[in-house]
Amino acid sequence: MLTDPWFYLVAIPAVALFGLSKGGFAGASLPAMPLLAMVMPPLMAAAIVLPVLLVQDVLTVYAFRKTFDRKMLALMLPGAALGSLFGYLTATSIDADQIRFAVGVLGLSFCLNAWFGSGGGTVEPKPHDVASAGLWGTVSGFTSFVVHAGGAPFNIYALPRRLPKETLAGTSAVFFAAVNAMKILPYSMLGQLTAEVAMLSAVLLPAAIAANAAGIYLVRRVSMALFYRILYALLFLLSLKLVVDGLPSVGRLLQLV
């Protein structure tokens, strides 16, 4: 695969999208995994992406090291650890497309309610809630492990808190750095982190780092209002993509009922 031009044609844009997402525009990576799945098996794609994400995590956490919400992390990370464990235990038996569909429906419902529901248009921040943070932290950890779609559940909890843009970017960076670190041992135990995967990840790092820097640069320069509009729009598109990806599997399930 190292000599396959199609790999680079697809993989470089994919990791660039991950870089923008890691830089603060959560959801920008929504086409990345489908792109990679065009040229390699999905599990291999997930394994190749993990080392790239870990490097991007280091850069992003360093960039936003002074701006993150400690309380949100304290409330959400225990659930994320539980969700990651459940993801590991069910990784070989679960229908990933059905999980994508369920997460997508939740994300779409959240966005539509925020835009058109009884609280539509309000910008008042919601206070932290222990039960809600635990729930969405668990869902985020699980879906991140299984289908690399932890951003949607994280944002369902995080966006209504209306944190300053750099604080939200920093909190997301630390949260997913921890979640990705939790995956290293389980992915190794599942036989996914091979020498070939390491080499493929390494050749993608320059593009990933450049895109990561671009995301950080842009987050620091867009207005607060525009930043949140972009994040809600990206969450909506990500959720829509997850629903479309999961529809065939849900259709097959309904035929069996």
Protein backbone atom coordinates (compact mmCIF):
# COMPACT_ATOMS: atom_id res chain seq x y z
CA MET A 1 0.00 0.00 0.00
CA LEU A 2 2.97 2.31 0.53
CA THR A 3 3.50 2.41 -3.24
CA ASP A 4 -0.19 2.71 -4.18
CA PRO A 5 -0.94 6.25 -5.48
CA TRP A 6 -4.66 5.79 -4.73
CA PHE A 7 -3.81 5.39 -1.05
CA TYR A 8 -2.16 8.81 -0.94
CA LEU A 9 -4.86 10.42 -3.08
CA VAL A 10 -7.48 9.39 -0.52
CA ALA A 11 -5.53 9.23 2.75
CA ILE A 12 -3.87 12.67 2.63
CA PRO A 13 -7.18 14.59 2.34
CA ALA A 14 -8.65 12.32 5.03
CA VAL A 15 -5.96 13.06 7.62
CA ALA A 16 -6.08 16.74 6.65
CA LEU A 17 -9.77 16.75 7.58
CA PHE A 18 -8.91 15.08 10.88
CA GLY A 19 -6.36 17.85 11.44
CA LEU A 20 -8.94 20.60 10.97
CA SER A 21 -11.28 18.75 13.31
CA LYS A 22 -8.59 18.36 15.95
CA GLY A 23 -7.72 22.02 15.57
CA GLY A 24 -11.14 22.93 16.92
CA PHE A 25 -13.66 22.48 14.10
CA ALA A 26 -15.18 19.28 15.45
CA GLY A 27 -17.08 17.53 12.67
CA ALA A 28 -14.80 18.61 9.83
CA SER A 29 -13.52 15.03 9.73
CA LEU A 30 -16.92 13.56 8.78
CA PRO A 31 -15.86 12.44 5.26
CA ALA A 32 -12.48 11.10 6.44
CA MET A 33 -13.33 7.53 7.43
CA PRO A 34 -15.57 6.91 4.38
CA LEU A 35 -12.69 8.16 2.20
CA LEU A 36 -10.22 5.76 3.81
CA ALA A 37 -12.69 2.88 3.57
CA MET A 38 -12.56 3.28 -0.23
CA VAL A 39 -8.99 1.95 -0.37
CA MET A 40 -8.68 -0.29 2.71
CA PRO A 41 -10.74 -2.37 5.16
CA PRO A 42 -12.53 -0.21 7.79
CA LEU A 43 -10.72 -1.78 10.74
CA MET A 44 -7.35 -1.15 9.11
CA ALA A 45 -8.39 2.43 8.38
CA ALA A 46 -9.28 2.96 12.02
CA ALA A 47 -5.93 1.54 13.12
CA ILE A 48 -3.96 3.73 10.69
CA VAL A 49 -5.80 6.83 11.88
CA LEU A 50 -5.17 6.19 15.60
CA PRO A 51 -1.40 7.01 15.68
CA VAL A 52 -2.07 10.08 13.52
CA LEU A 53 -4.75 11.24 15.94
CA LEU A 54 -2.44 10.71 18.91
CA VAL A 55 0.19 13.01 17.38
CA GLN A 56 -2.46 15.59 16.54
CA ASP A 57 -3.75 15.32 20.12
CA VAL A 58 -0.34 16.26 21.50
CA LEU A 59 -0.15 19.34 19.27
CA THR A 60 -3.69 20.48 20.00
CA VAL A 61 -3.49 19.92 23.75
CA TYR A 62 -0.26 21.93 23.82
CA ALA A 63 -1.83 24.75 21.80
CA PHE A 64 -4.86 24.99 24.12
CA ARG A 65 -3.12 23.88 27.34
CA LYS A 66 -4.27 26.99 29.23
CA THR A 67 -7.87 26.98 28.03
CA PHE A 68 -9.97 23.97 28.95
CA ASP A 69 -12.87 23.27 31.30
CA ARG A 70 -11.62 21.00 34.10
CA LYS A 71 -15.09 20.40 35.48
CA MET A 72 -16.44 19.17 32.15
CA LEU A 73 -13.52 16.80 31.79
CA ALA A 74 -13.94 15.50 35.34
CA LEU A 75 -17.62 14.81 34.67
CA MET A 76 -17.26 13.23 31.22
CA LEU A 77 -14.00 11.24 31.26
CA PRO A 78 -15.10 8.50 33.71
CA GLY A 79 -18.04 7.76 31.41
CA ALA A 80 -15.71 7.82 28.40
CA ALA A 81 -13.52 5.17 30.04
CA LEU A 82 -16.58 3.00 30.68
CA GLY A 83 -17.76 3.47 27.09
CA SER A 84 -14.34 2.58 25.69
CA LEU A 85 -14.29 -0.61 27.77
CA PHE A 86 -17.72 -1.57 26.48
CA GLY A 87 -16.55 -0.83 22.94
CA TYR A 88 -13.58 -3.18 23.36
CA LEU A 89 -15.76 -5.96 24.77
CA THR A 90 -18.24 -5.72 21.88
CA ALA A 91 -15.92 -4.71 19.02
CA THR A 92 -16.07 -8.07 17.24
CA SER A 93 -19.80 -8.65 17.61
CA ILE A 94 -21.57 -5.31 17.30
CA ASP A 95 -23.15 -3.95 14.11
CA ALA A 96 -21.23 -0.71 13.63
CA ASP A 97 -23.69 0.65 11.05
CA GLN A 98 -26.60 0.42 13.49
CA ILE A 99 -24.53 2.37 16.03
CA ARG A 100 -23.80 5.01 13.38
CA PHE A 101 -27.52 5.30 12.64
CA ALA A 102 -28.47 5.70 16.31
CA VAL A 103 -25.79 8.34 16.95
CA GLY A 104 -26.82 10.17 13.77
CA VAL A 105 -30.47 10.30 14.82
CA LEU A 106 -29.47 11.69 18.23
CA GLY A 107 -27.30 14.35 16.62
CA LEU A 108 -29.97 15.42 14.15
CA SER A 109 -32.59 15.62 16.91
CA PHE A 110 -30.24 17.74 19.02
CA CYS A 111 -29.53 20.21 16.20
CA LEU A 112 -33.14 20.51 15.11
CA ASN A 113 -34.27 21.10 18.69
CA ALA A 114 -31.55 23.73 19.17
CA TRP A 115 -32.61 25.54 15.99
CA PHE A 116 -36.39 25.16 16.01
CA GLY A 117 -37.44 23.86 19.45
CA SER A 118 -38.83 25.74 22.41
CA GLY A 119 -35.35 27.04 23.23
CA GLY A 120 -34.49 27.90 19.64
CA GLY A 121 -32.42 30.99 19.31
CA THR A 122 -31.39 31.16 22.96
CA VAL A 123 -27.70 31.55 23.71
CA GLU A 124 -27.94 31.18 27.50
CA PRO A 125 -25.38 28.60 28.65
CA LYS A 126 -26.64 25.53 30.45
CA PRO A 127 -24.97 24.60 33.75
CA HIS A 128 -23.06 21.35 34.07
CA ASP A 129 -25.13 18.29 34.89
CA VAL A 130 -23.54 15.17 36.40
CA ALA A 131 -25.99 12.65 34.95
CA SER A 132 -26.02 14.17 31.46
CA ALA A 133 -22.22 14.49 31.37
CA GLY A 134 -21.83 10.86 32.46
CA LEU A 135 -24.30 9.65 29.85
CA TRP A 136 -22.82 11.54 26.88
CA GLY A 137 -19.27 10.83 28.03
CA THR A 138 -20.07 7.11 27.99
CA VAL A 139 -21.73 7.29 24.58
CA SER A 140 -18.83 9.32 23.20
CA GLY A 141 -16.23 6.86 24.49
CA PHE A 142 -18.14 3.90 23.07
CA THR A 143 -18.84 5.38 19.64
CA SER A 144 -15.30 6.73 19.37
CA PHE A 145 -13.92 3.24 19.97
CA VAL A 146 -16.31 1.41 17.66
CA VAL A 147 -16.95 3.80 14.75
CA HIS A 148 -14.68 6.86 15.36
CA ALA A 149 -17.81 8.99 15.88
CA GLY A 150 -17.30 10.29 19.40
CA GLY A 151 -17.54 13.93 18.38
CA ALA A 152 -21.32 13.98 17.98
CA PRO A 153 -22.16 12.75 21.52
CA PHE A 154 -19.46 14.98 23.01
CA ASN A 155 -20.91 18.05 21.30
CA ILE A 156 -24.46 17.17 22.33
CA TYR A 157 -23.31 17.78 25.90
CA ALA A 158 -20.64 20.43 25.29
CA LEU A 159 -22.25 22.90 22.87
CA PRO A 160 -25.18 23.95 25.13
CA ARG A 161 -22.62 24.96 27.80
CA ARG A 162 -21.58 27.82 25.49
CA LEU A 163 -17.94 27.81 26.55
CA PRO A 164 -15.59 30.42 25.09
CA LYS A 165 -14.38 29.08 21.74
CA GLU A 166 -10.79 28.39 22.83
CA THR A 167 -12.02 26.77 26.04
CA LEU A 168 -14.31 24.47 24.05
CA ALA A 169 -11.48 23.64 21.63
CA GLY A 170 -9.13 22.93 24.53
CA THR A 171 -11.67 20.81 26.40
CA SER A 172 -12.39 18.78 23.27
CA ALA A 173 -8.65 18.37 22.67
CA VAL A 174 -7.95 17.03 26.17
CA PHE A 175 -11.07 14.83 26.18
CA PHE A 176 -10.25 13.09 22.90
CA ALA A 177 -6.54 12.87 23.70
CA ALA A 178 -7.54 10.84 26.76
CA VAL A 179 -10.09 8.77 24.80
CA ASN A 180 -7.59 7.99 22.03
CA ALA A 181 -4.93 7.02 24.60
CA MET A 182 -7.46 4.57 26.06
CA LYS A 183 -7.63 2.83 22.67
CA ILE A 184 -3.94 1.96 22.36
CA LEU A 185 -3.90 -1.22 24.45
CA PRO A 186 -7.29 -2.55 23.27
CA TYR A 187 -6.43 -1.95 19.60
CA SER A 188 -3.14 -3.77 20.14
CA MET A 189 -4.95 -6.67 21.79
CA LEU A 190 -7.31 -6.82 18.81
CA GLY A 191 -4.26 -7.17 16.51
CA GLN A 192 -4.77 -3.88 14.68
CA LEU A 193 -1.53 -2.00 15.43
CA THR A 194 0.93 -3.75 13.12
CA ALA A 195 4.26 -2.66 11.62
CA GLU A 196 2.55 -1.95 8.28
CA VAL A 197 -0.02 0.25 10.01
CA ALA A 198 2.76 2.17 11.79
CA MET A 199 4.56 2.87 8.50
CA LEU A 200 1.37 4.02 6.76
CA SER A 201 0.57 6.30 9.70
CA ALA A 202 4.06 7.79 9.63
CA VAL A 203 3.91 8.84 5.98
CA LEU A 204 0.64 10.68 6.64
CA LEU A 205 1.92 12.71 9.58
CA PRO A 206 3.21 15.79 7.67
CA ALA A 207 -0.21 16.46 6.10
CA ALA A 208 -1.94 15.78 9.41
CA ILE A 209 0.29 18.20 11.33
CA ALA A 210 -0.10 20.97 8.73
CA ALA A 211 -3.90 20.68 8.78
CA ASN A 212 -3.90 20.59 12.57
CA ALA A 213 -1.98 23.88 12.69
CA ALA A 214 -4.42 25.40 10.20
CA GLY A 215 -7.39 24.41 12.37
CA ILE A 216 -5.82 25.96 15.49
CA TYR A 217 -5.03 29.14 13.55
CA LEU A 218 -8.60 29.48 12.26
CA VAL A 219 -10.26 28.80 15.63
CA ARG A 220 -8.33 31.67 17.17
CA ARG A 221 -9.45 34.11 14.49
CA VAL A 222 -13.13 33.45 13.84
CA SER A 223 -15.76 35.19 15.95
CA MET A 224 -17.50 33.37 18.81
CA ALA A 225 -20.90 33.52 17.08
CA LEU A 226 -19.52 32.21 13.78
CA PHE A 227 -17.56 29.49 15.58
CA TYR A 228 -20.71 28.08 17.18
CA ARG A 229 -22.71 28.34 13.96
CA ILE A 230 -20.00 26.36 12.19
CA LEU A 231 -19.93 23.70 14.93
CA TYR A 232 -23.70 23.21 14.90
CA ALA A 233 -23.68 22.98 11.10
CA LEU A 234 -20.82 20.45 11.16
CA LEU A 235 -22.59 18.40 13.83
CA PHE A 236 -25.74 18.37 11.69
CA LEU A 237 -23.82 17.23 8.60
CA LEU A 238 -21.91 14.60 10.57
CA SER A 239 -25.15 13.25 12.04
CA LEU A 240 -26.81 13.18 8.62
CA LYS A 241 -23.84 11.25 7.22
CA LEU A 242 -24.04 8.72 10.06
CA VAL A 243 -27.75 8.18 9.43
CA VAL A 244 -27.14 7.60 5.70
CA ASP A 245 -24.31 5.17 6.45
CA GLY A 246 -26.47 3.21 8.88
CA LEU A 247 -29.71 3.07 6.88
CA PRO A 248 -28.97 -0.15 4.92
CA SER A 249 -28.21 -2.08 8.10
CA VAL A 250 -31.30 -0.74 9.87
CA GLY A 251 -33.39 -1.66 6.83
CA ARG A 252 -32.11 -5.24 6.98
CA LEU A 253 -32.90 -5.36 10.69
CA LEU A 254 -36.47 -4.19 10.14
CA GLN A 255 -37.01 -6.88 7.51
CA LEU A 256 -36.18 -9.52 10.11
CA VAL A 257 -38.67 -8.15 12.65
